[in-house]
Amino acid sequence: MKKTLTAIALILGFGLFSAPSFAATGYVVNGHAASPAEAQALASDGVHQGNWVANGYGVAPADHASFETPAPAETASSGKKCYYVLDVLLCD
């Protein structure tokens, strides 16, 4: 019994004190290398390594940029003020 407990303690000790096997090297978030916390959050969500955009809307591949804030609408020559609300163009 003592041998079993000693073996379990050694295994847990090696697991806790070893260098983390998780590395953030394959993730790029918002144009910079991901911090370990960002990479861990992405990996826990099942996101594969690559280039990502993360903001208040969620996480999306950087090449698709589907969660980026839409650009402000151009004002027409009629003087109307246009803006987006939930991706819907509204004009005064």
Protein backbone atom coordinates (compact mmCIF):
# COMPACT_ATOMS: atom_id res chain seq x y z
CA MET A 1 0.00 0.00 0.00
CA LYS A 2 2.87 2.37 0.82
CA LYS A 3 4.45 1.71 -2.57
CA THR A 4 1.20 2.53 -4.34
CA LEU A 5 0.74 5.79 -2.44
CA THR A 6 4.37 6.74 -3.07
CA ALA A 7 4.00 6.02 -6.78
CA ILE A 8 0.81 8.10 -6.96
CA ALA A 9 2.51 10.97 -5.11
CA LEU A 10 5.48 10.86 -7.51
CA ILE A 11 3.24 10.83 -10.57
CA LEU A 12 1.20 13.77 -9.30
CA GLY A 13 4.37 15.63 -8.32
CA PHE A 14 5.89 15.20 -11.77
CA GLY A 15 2.64 16.34 -13.34
CA LEU A 16 2.36 19.46 -11.19
CA PHE A 17 5.99 20.54 -11.28
CA SER A 18 6.88 19.71 -14.85
CA ALA A 19 6.95 22.39 -17.54
CA PRO A 20 3.51 22.82 -19.05
CA SER A 21 3.10 20.91 -22.28
CA PHE A 22 0.66 23.52 -23.48
CA ALA A 23 2.36 26.17 -25.63
CA ALA A 24 0.82 29.25 -27.23
CA THR A 25 3.19 29.23 -30.19
CA GLY A 26 0.62 28.34 -32.84
CA TYR A 27 -1.96 31.01 -32.02
CA VAL A 28 -2.09 34.63 -33.23
CA VAL A 29 -4.83 36.79 -31.70
CA ASN A 30 -5.61 40.27 -33.05
CA GLY A 31 -2.28 40.42 -34.88
CA HIS A 32 -0.01 39.46 -31.95
CA ALA A 33 1.25 36.19 -30.51
CA ALA A 34 -1.32 34.81 -28.11
CA SER A 35 -0.62 34.95 -24.41
CA PRO A 36 -0.75 31.62 -22.61
CA ALA A 37 -4.17 32.56 -21.16
CA GLU A 38 -5.56 33.45 -24.61
CA ALA A 39 -4.17 30.29 -26.15
CA GLN A 40 -5.56 28.16 -23.35
CA ALA A 41 -9.00 29.75 -23.76
CA LEU A 42 -8.93 29.11 -27.52
CA ALA A 43 -7.76 25.54 -27.08
CA SER A 44 -10.40 24.82 -24.44
CA ASP A 45 -13.06 25.99 -26.91
CA GLY A 46 -11.68 23.54 -29.49
CA VAL A 47 -10.20 26.23 -31.74
CA HIS A 48 -7.29 25.01 -33.85
CA GLN A 49 -4.03 26.93 -34.08
CA GLY A 50 -3.95 29.84 -36.50
CA ASN A 51 -4.69 33.55 -36.89
CA TRP A 52 -7.79 34.75 -34.99
CA VAL A 53 -9.72 37.93 -34.23
CA ALA A 54 -11.18 38.12 -30.72
CA ASN A 55 -13.39 40.97 -29.53
CA GLY A 56 -16.70 41.57 -27.77
CA TYR A 57 -18.61 39.71 -30.49
CA GLY A 58 -16.64 36.44 -30.17
CA VAL A 59 -13.77 34.69 -31.95
CA ALA A 60 -13.47 34.39 -35.72
CA PRO A 61 -10.75 33.48 -38.20
CA ALA A 62 -8.81 36.62 -39.08
CA ASP A 63 -9.16 36.03 -42.81
CA HIS A 64 -12.97 36.04 -42.57
CA ALA A 65 -13.30 38.87 -40.02
CA SER A 66 -17.01 38.14 -39.64
CA PHE A 67 -17.11 39.59 -36.12
CA GLU A 68 -15.43 42.89 -36.89
CA THR A 69 -17.42 46.07 -36.31
CA PRO A 70 -18.90 47.32 -39.58
CA ALA A 71 -17.47 50.49 -41.04
CA PRO A 72 -19.61 53.61 -40.67
CA ALA A 73 -21.90 54.27 -43.59
CA GLU A 74 -21.00 57.05 -45.94
CA THR A 75 -23.25 60.06 -45.89
CA ALA A 76 -25.19 60.36 -49.11
CA SER A 77 -25.19 63.63 -51.01
CA SER A 78 -28.76 64.23 -49.81
CA GLY A 79 -27.39 65.00 -46.33
CA LYS A 80 -28.90 61.98 -44.61
CA LYS A 81 -27.06 60.57 -41.64
CA CYS A 82 -26.73 56.79 -41.89
CA TYR A 83 -25.50 54.34 -39.27
CA TYR A 84 -25.55 50.63 -38.47
CA VAL A 85 -27.53 49.01 -35.65
CA LEU A 86 -27.00 45.26 -35.35
CA ASP A 87 -25.68 45.17 -38.93
CA VAL A 88 -28.79 46.91 -40.29
CA LEU A 89 -28.29 50.19 -42.15
CA LEU A 90 -30.53 52.95 -40.78
CA CYS A 91 -30.73 56.45 -42.25
CA ASP A 92 -32.34 59.57 -40.78
